[in-house]
Amino acid sequence: MEKLYLEPTPTSPLVILDRESGVFLIQGKSLPEDVKKFYQPIIFWLDSYIKNPNQNTVFEFDFEYFNTASSKMLLHLMSRLKELNSEGFEVEVIWKHPINDAELEEAGEEFAEIIQVPFRIVAKPEL
């Protein structure tokens, strides 16, 4: 399975989905003009991955900011992780947020409550 790598832009996050290395990362800002078009390849990749996943999947979300449209797509992605977890595979979500960003921290708490998989919320120190 080929890895999916998307370079970050001022309006879209870095995406690394690599089954072989076990790196599953979405990082940066997410406010693409066409959010469905941006997230569709990620969802397709995950759908393919779920057919033959690693025993352990640690998926890291590390946002500086995301808009409402992106949050809906993130929920679609996380529902795939919940499906994987319910099939007996080990799944952990790591939700990173800037230490002083209560909104991003709260968003992580809300996602954790909705998807009900092992979920770690990590405050990143300021640089």
N, C-alpha and C. Protein backbone atom coordinates (compact mmCIF):
# COMPACT_ATOMS: atom_id res chain seq x y z
N MET A 1 0.85 -1.17 0.00
CA MET A 1 0.00 0.00 0.00
C MET A 1 0.89 1.24 0.00
N GLU A 2 0.65 2.12 -0.95
CA GLU A 2 1.47 3.32 -1.06
C GLU A 2 1.14 4.31 0.04
N LYS A 3 2.17 5.02 0.47
CA LYS A 3 1.90 6.03 1.48
C LYS A 3 1.27 7.25 0.82
N LEU A 4 0.51 7.98 1.62
CA LEU A 4 -0.10 9.23 1.17
C LEU A 4 0.64 10.36 1.86
N TYR A 5 1.19 11.27 1.04
CA TYR A 5 1.93 12.41 1.57
C TYR A 5 1.41 13.66 0.88
N LEU A 6 0.90 14.59 1.67
CA LEU A 6 0.43 15.86 1.14
C LEU A 6 1.19 16.99 1.82
N GLU A 7 1.86 17.80 1.01
CA GLU A 7 2.60 18.96 1.54
C GLU A 7 1.64 19.95 2.18
N PRO A 8 2.05 20.58 3.27
CA PRO A 8 1.19 21.61 3.86
C PRO A 8 1.19 22.87 2.99
N THR A 9 0.09 23.61 3.08
CA THR A 9 -0.02 24.91 2.42
C THR A 9 -0.51 25.88 3.49
N PRO A 10 -0.64 27.15 3.17
CA PRO A 10 -1.18 28.08 4.17
C PRO A 10 -2.60 27.74 4.63
N THR A 11 -3.33 26.94 3.82
CA THR A 11 -4.71 26.61 4.19
C THR A 11 -4.98 25.12 4.37
N SER A 12 -3.96 24.29 4.19
CA SER A 12 -4.17 22.85 4.37
C SER A 12 -3.01 22.22 5.13
N PRO A 13 -3.30 21.17 5.88
CA PRO A 13 -2.28 20.57 6.75
C PRO A 13 -1.34 19.61 6.02
N LEU A 14 -0.23 19.33 6.67
CA LEU A 14 0.65 18.24 6.27
C LEU A 14 -0.10 16.95 6.55
N VAL A 15 -0.03 16.02 5.61
CA VAL A 15 -0.65 14.70 5.80
C VAL A 15 0.38 13.64 5.47
N ILE A 16 0.61 12.74 6.42
CA ILE A 16 1.47 11.58 6.18
C ILE A 16 0.68 10.36 6.66
N LEU A 17 0.37 9.49 5.73
CA LEU A 17 -0.28 8.23 6.07
C LEU A 17 0.60 7.13 5.48
N ASP A 18 1.30 6.42 6.34
CA ASP A 18 2.30 5.45 5.90
C ASP A 18 2.15 4.16 6.70
N ARG A 19 1.50 3.19 6.11
CA ARG A 19 1.26 1.91 6.78
C ARG A 19 2.57 1.24 7.18
N GLU A 20 3.55 1.28 6.29
CA GLU A 20 4.81 0.59 6.52
C GLU A 20 5.56 1.11 7.74
N SER A 21 5.66 2.43 7.87
CA SER A 21 6.39 3.01 9.00
C SER A 21 5.49 3.20 10.22
N GLY A 22 4.18 3.08 10.02
CA GLY A 22 3.24 3.28 11.12
C GLY A 22 2.99 4.74 11.46
N VAL A 23 3.33 5.64 10.53
CA VAL A 23 3.11 7.07 10.77
C VAL A 23 1.76 7.47 10.17
N PHE A 24 0.90 7.98 11.03
CA PHE A 24 -0.41 8.48 10.62
C PHE A 24 -0.54 9.87 11.25
N LEU A 25 -0.37 10.92 10.44
CA LEU A 25 -0.26 12.27 10.98
C LEU A 25 -0.99 13.26 10.08
N ILE A 26 -1.77 14.13 10.73
CA ILE A 26 -2.32 15.31 10.07
C ILE A 26 -1.94 16.48 10.97
N GLN A 27 -1.23 17.47 10.39
CA GLN A 27 -0.62 18.51 11.21
C GLN A 27 -0.67 19.87 10.52
N GLY A 28 -1.07 20.88 11.28
CA GLY A 28 -1.02 22.25 10.77
C GLY A 28 -2.37 22.93 10.81
N LYS A 29 -2.65 23.70 9.76
CA LYS A 29 -3.91 24.43 9.65
C LYS A 29 -4.78 23.74 8.61
N SER A 30 -6.09 23.68 8.91
CA SER A 30 -7.02 23.07 7.96
C SER A 30 -8.20 24.00 7.72
N LEU A 31 -8.12 24.72 6.62
CA LEU A 31 -9.22 25.55 6.17
C LEU A 31 -9.21 25.62 4.64
N PRO A 32 -9.14 24.43 3.99
CA PRO A 32 -9.09 24.43 2.53
C PRO A 32 -10.39 24.97 1.95
N GLU A 33 -10.25 25.57 0.77
CA GLU A 33 -11.41 26.14 0.10
C GLU A 33 -12.46 25.07 -0.18
N ASP A 34 -12.01 23.92 -0.70
CA ASP A 34 -12.91 22.80 -0.97
C ASP A 34 -12.52 21.65 -0.04
N VAL A 35 -13.12 21.65 1.13
CA VAL A 35 -12.73 20.71 2.18
C VAL A 35 -12.97 19.25 1.77
N LYS A 36 -14.06 18.98 1.07
CA LYS A 36 -14.34 17.60 0.62
C LYS A 36 -13.28 17.13 -0.36
N LYS A 37 -12.90 17.99 -1.28
CA LYS A 37 -11.87 17.63 -2.26
C LYS A 37 -10.54 17.35 -1.57
N PHE A 38 -10.20 18.15 -0.56
CA PHE A 38 -8.94 17.94 0.15
C PHE A 38 -8.96 16.62 0.93
N TYR A 39 -10.03 16.35 1.67
CA TYR A 39 -10.06 15.18 2.56
C TYR A 39 -10.45 13.88 1.86
N GLN A 40 -11.01 13.95 0.66
CA GLN A 40 -11.44 12.72 -0.03
C GLN A 40 -10.32 11.70 -0.22
N PRO A 41 -9.13 12.09 -0.69
CA PRO A 41 -8.06 11.09 -0.83
C PRO A 41 -7.64 10.47 0.51
N ILE A 42 -7.75 11.24 1.58
CA ILE A 42 -7.40 10.73 2.91
C ILE A 42 -8.42 9.68 3.34
N ILE A 43 -9.69 9.96 3.12
CA ILE A 43 -10.74 9.00 3.47
C ILE A 43 -10.61 7.75 2.61
N PHE A 44 -10.35 7.91 1.30
CA PHE A 44 -10.16 6.74 0.42
C PHE A 44 -8.98 5.91 0.90
N TRP A 45 -7.88 6.57 1.28
CA TRP A 45 -6.71 5.86 1.76
C TRP A 45 -7.05 5.05 3.02
N LEU A 46 -7.75 5.69 3.95
CA LEU A 46 -8.12 4.99 5.18
C LEU A 46 -9.06 3.82 4.91
N ASP A 47 -10.00 4.00 3.97
CA ASP A 47 -10.90 2.91 3.61
C ASP A 47 -10.11 1.71 3.09
N SER A 48 -9.09 1.98 2.30
CA SER A 48 -8.24 0.92 1.79
C SER A 48 -7.41 0.29 2.91
N TYR A 49 -6.88 1.13 3.79
CA TYR A 49 -6.06 0.66 4.92
C TYR A 49 -6.85 -0.26 5.83
N ILE A 50 -8.10 0.07 6.07
CA ILE A 50 -8.94 -0.72 6.98
C ILE A 50 -9.11 -2.16 6.49
N LYS A 51 -8.99 -2.38 5.20
CA LYS A 51 -9.12 -3.74 4.64
C LYS A 51 -7.95 -4.62 5.03
N ASN A 52 -6.78 -4.02 5.31
CA ASN A 52 -5.60 -4.77 5.70
C ASN A 52 -4.73 -3.91 6.62
N PRO A 53 -5.21 -3.66 7.84
CA PRO A 53 -4.52 -2.71 8.72
C PRO A 53 -3.37 -3.34 9.50
N ASN A 54 -2.55 -2.47 10.07
CA ASN A 54 -1.57 -2.91 11.06
C ASN A 54 -2.34 -3.33 12.31
N GLN A 55 -1.72 -4.15 13.15
CA GLN A 55 -2.38 -4.54 14.40
C GLN A 55 -2.58 -3.33 15.30
N ASN A 56 -1.60 -2.41 15.29
CA ASN A 56 -1.69 -1.19 16.09
C ASN A 56 -1.67 0.02 15.17
N THR A 57 -2.58 0.94 15.41
CA THR A 57 -2.63 2.18 14.65
C THR A 57 -2.67 3.34 15.63
N VAL A 58 -1.65 4.18 15.58
CA VAL A 58 -1.63 5.40 16.38
C VAL A 58 -1.74 6.56 15.40
N PHE A 59 -2.85 7.28 15.49
CA PHE A 59 -3.13 8.37 14.55
C PHE A 59 -3.00 9.68 15.30
N GLU A 60 -2.12 10.54 14.79
CA GLU A 60 -1.84 11.81 15.46
C GLU A 60 -2.45 12.98 14.69
N PHE A 61 -3.23 13.77 15.42
CA PHE A 61 -3.79 15.01 14.90
C PHE A 61 -3.10 16.14 15.66
N ASP A 62 -2.50 17.05 14.94
CA ASP A 62 -1.71 18.12 15.57
C ASP A 62 -2.05 19.43 14.86
N PHE A 63 -3.13 20.06 15.28
CA PHE A 63 -3.62 21.24 14.59
C PHE A 63 -3.25 22.54 15.29
N GLU A 64 -2.99 23.55 14.47
CA GLU A 64 -2.88 24.93 14.94
C GLU A 64 -4.27 25.57 14.88
N TYR A 65 -5.03 25.13 13.85
CA TYR A 65 -6.37 25.67 13.64
C TYR A 65 -7.08 24.78 12.63
N PHE A 66 -8.40 24.63 12.78
CA PHE A 66 -9.22 24.03 11.73
C PHE A 66 -10.60 24.66 11.77
N ASN A 67 -11.23 24.74 10.60
CA ASN A 67 -12.54 25.36 10.52
C ASN A 67 -13.65 24.32 10.70
N THR A 68 -14.88 24.78 10.75
CA THR A 68 -16.03 23.90 10.99
C THR A 68 -16.16 22.83 9.92
N ALA A 69 -15.98 23.22 8.66
CA ALA A 69 -16.08 22.24 7.57
C ALA A 69 -15.03 21.14 7.75
N SER A 70 -13.83 21.51 8.17
CA SER A 70 -12.78 20.50 8.41
C SER A 70 -13.16 19.59 9.57
N SER A 71 -13.80 20.14 10.61
CA SER A 71 -14.15 19.30 11.76
C SER A 71 -15.10 18.18 11.35
N LYS A 72 -15.99 18.46 10.41
CA LYS A 72 -16.90 17.42 9.93
C LYS A 72 -16.14 16.32 9.21
N MET A 73 -15.14 16.70 8.43
CA MET A 73 -14.33 15.70 7.73
C MET A 73 -13.47 14.91 8.71
N LEU A 74 -12.98 15.59 9.75
CA LEU A 74 -12.19 14.89 10.77
C LEU A 74 -13.04 13.83 11.47
N LEU A 75 -14.29 14.16 11.69
CA LEU A 75 -15.20 13.18 12.30
C LEU A 75 -15.38 11.97 11.40
N HIS A 76 -15.46 12.20 10.08
CA HIS A 76 -15.54 11.07 9.13
C HIS A 76 -14.29 10.20 9.24
N LEU A 77 -13.12 10.83 9.31
CA LEU A 77 -11.87 10.08 9.44
C LEU A 77 -11.86 9.28 10.73
N MET A 78 -12.24 9.92 11.81
CA MET A 78 -12.21 9.25 13.10
C MET A 78 -13.23 8.11 13.18
N SER A 79 -14.31 8.23 12.45
CA SER A 79 -15.29 7.13 12.44
C SER A 79 -14.67 5.89 11.82
N ARG A 80 -13.75 6.08 10.86
CA ARG A 80 -13.02 4.93 10.29
C ARG A 80 -12.14 4.29 11.37
N LEU A 81 -11.53 5.12 12.20
CA LEU A 81 -10.68 4.58 13.27
C LEU A 81 -11.52 3.84 14.30
N LYS A 82 -12.71 4.36 14.57
CA LYS A 82 -13.61 3.67 15.50
C LYS A 82 -14.01 2.31 14.94
N GLU A 83 -14.28 2.26 13.64
CA GLU A 83 -14.64 1.00 12.98
C GLU A 83 -13.50 0.00 13.12
N LEU A 84 -12.28 0.46 12.89
CA LEU A 84 -11.10 -0.39 13.01
C LEU A 84 -10.97 -0.92 14.43
N ASN A 85 -11.17 -0.07 15.41
CA ASN A 85 -11.10 -0.45 16.82
C ASN A 85 -12.17 -1.48 17.16
N SER A 86 -13.36 -1.30 16.63
CA SER A 86 -14.46 -2.22 16.93
C SER A 86 -14.24 -3.59 16.30
N GLU A 87 -13.33 -3.66 15.30
CA GLU A 87 -13.00 -4.95 14.67
C GLU A 87 -11.86 -5.66 15.41
N GLY A 88 -11.44 -5.11 16.55
CA GLY A 88 -10.45 -5.79 17.38
C GLY A 88 -9.02 -5.33 17.19
N PHE A 89 -8.80 -4.32 16.37
CA PHE A 89 -7.46 -3.78 16.19
C PHE A 89 -7.22 -2.68 17.22
N GLU A 90 -5.95 -2.54 17.62
CA GLU A 90 -5.62 -1.50 18.60
C GLU A 90 -5.49 -0.16 17.90
N VAL A 91 -6.25 0.80 18.39
CA VAL A 91 -6.25 2.14 17.81
C VAL A 91 -6.06 3.14 18.95
N GLU A 92 -5.20 4.11 18.72
CA GLU A 92 -5.07 5.22 19.65
C GLU A 92 -5.02 6.51 18.85
N VAL A 93 -5.77 7.49 19.31
CA VAL A 93 -5.72 8.81 18.72
C VAL A 93 -4.94 9.70 19.67
N ILE A 94 -3.99 10.44 19.11
CA ILE A 94 -3.26 11.44 19.88
C ILE A 94 -3.69 12.79 19.32
N TRP A 95 -4.25 13.61 20.18
CA TRP A 95 -4.75 14.94 19.79
C TRP A 95 -3.83 15.97 20.43
N LYS A 96 -3.01 16.63 19.62
CA LYS A 96 -2.09 17.64 20.15
C LYS A 96 -2.69 19.02 19.92
N HIS A 97 -2.48 19.89 20.88
CA HIS A 97 -2.97 21.27 20.76
C HIS A 97 -1.99 22.20 21.47
N PRO A 98 -1.91 23.46 21.02
CA PRO A 98 -1.07 24.42 21.72
C PRO A 98 -1.55 24.57 23.17
N ILE A 99 -0.62 24.67 24.09
CA ILE A 99 -0.93 24.64 25.52
C ILE A 99 -1.97 25.68 25.94
N ASN A 100 -1.99 26.82 25.29
CA ASN A 100 -2.93 27.87 25.69
C ASN A 100 -4.14 27.98 24.78
N ASP A 101 -4.44 26.92 24.04
CA ASP A 101 -5.57 26.96 23.12
C ASP A 101 -6.71 26.08 23.65
N ALA A 102 -7.57 26.70 24.44
CA ALA A 102 -8.68 25.96 25.07
C ALA A 102 -9.66 25.43 24.03
N GLU A 103 -9.85 26.15 22.93
CA GLU A 103 -10.79 25.69 21.91
C GLU A 103 -10.33 24.39 21.26
N LEU A 104 -9.05 24.31 20.92
CA LEU A 104 -8.54 23.08 20.32
C LEU A 104 -8.54 21.93 21.33
N GLU A 105 -8.25 22.24 22.57
CA GLU A 105 -8.29 21.21 23.61
C GLU A 105 -9.71 20.68 23.75
N GLU A 106 -10.67 21.58 23.79
CA GLU A 106 -12.08 21.20 23.91
C GLU A 106 -12.55 20.40 22.70
N ALA A 107 -12.08 20.78 21.52
CA ALA A 107 -12.44 20.03 20.31
C ALA A 107 -11.96 18.58 20.44
N GLY A 108 -10.74 18.40 20.94
CA GLY A 108 -10.23 17.05 21.16
C GLY A 108 -11.08 16.27 22.14
N GLU A 109 -11.50 16.92 23.22
CA GLU A 109 -12.35 16.26 24.21
C GLU A 109 -13.68 15.85 23.59
N GLU A 110 -14.23 16.69 22.73
CA GLU A 110 -15.50 16.37 22.07
C GLU A 110 -15.33 15.19 21.11
N PHE A 111 -14.26 15.18 20.33
CA PHE A 111 -14.01 14.05 19.43
C PHE A 111 -13.84 12.76 20.25
N ALA A 112 -13.10 12.84 21.34
CA ALA A 112 -12.88 11.66 22.18
C ALA A 112 -14.20 11.09 22.68
N GLU A 113 -15.09 11.97 23.09
CA GLU A 113 -16.38 11.54 23.60
C GLU A 113 -17.22 10.89 22.51
N ILE A 114 -17.15 11.43 21.32
CA ILE A 114 -17.96 10.91 20.20
C ILE A 114 -17.45 9.56 19.72
N ILE A 115 -16.14 9.42 19.50
CA ILE A 115 -15.67 8.20 18.84
C ILE A 115 -15.36 7.04 19.79
N GLN A 116 -15.13 7.32 21.06
CA GLN A 116 -14.97 6.25 22.04
C GLN A 116 -13.89 5.22 21.67
N VAL A 117 -12.69 5.72 21.34
CA VAL A 117 -11.51 4.86 21.19
C VAL A 117 -10.45 5.44 22.13
N PRO A 118 -9.40 4.68 22.44
CA PRO A 118 -8.35 5.26 23.27
C PRO A 118 -7.87 6.59 22.66
N PHE A 119 -7.87 7.62 23.47
CA PHE A 119 -7.68 8.99 22.98
C PHE A 119 -6.84 9.75 23.98
N ARG A 120 -5.70 10.25 23.53
CA ARG A 120 -4.80 11.01 24.41
C ARG A 120 -4.76 12.45 23.95
N ILE A 121 -5.02 13.37 24.86
CA ILE A 121 -4.95 14.79 24.54
C ILE A 121 -3.66 15.34 25.14
N VAL A 122 -2.84 15.94 24.28
CA VAL A 122 -1.51 16.38 24.69
C VAL A 122 -1.37 17.87 24.43
N ALA A 123 -1.06 18.62 25.49
CA ALA A 123 -0.79 20.06 25.34
C ALA A 123 0.66 20.24 24.93
N LYS A 124 0.87 20.95 23.83
CA LYS A 124 2.23 21.21 23.35
C LYS A 124 2.74 22.51 23.97
N PRO A 125 3.94 22.50 24.48
CA PRO A 125 4.49 23.74 25.06
C PRO A 125 4.72 24.78 23.96
N GLU A 126 4.66 26.05 24.37
CA GLU A 126 4.93 27.12 23.41
C GLU A 126 6.39 27.10 23.03
N LEU A 127 6.67 27.49 21.80
CA LEU A 127 8.06 27.49 21.32
C LEU A 127 8.78 28.73 21.77
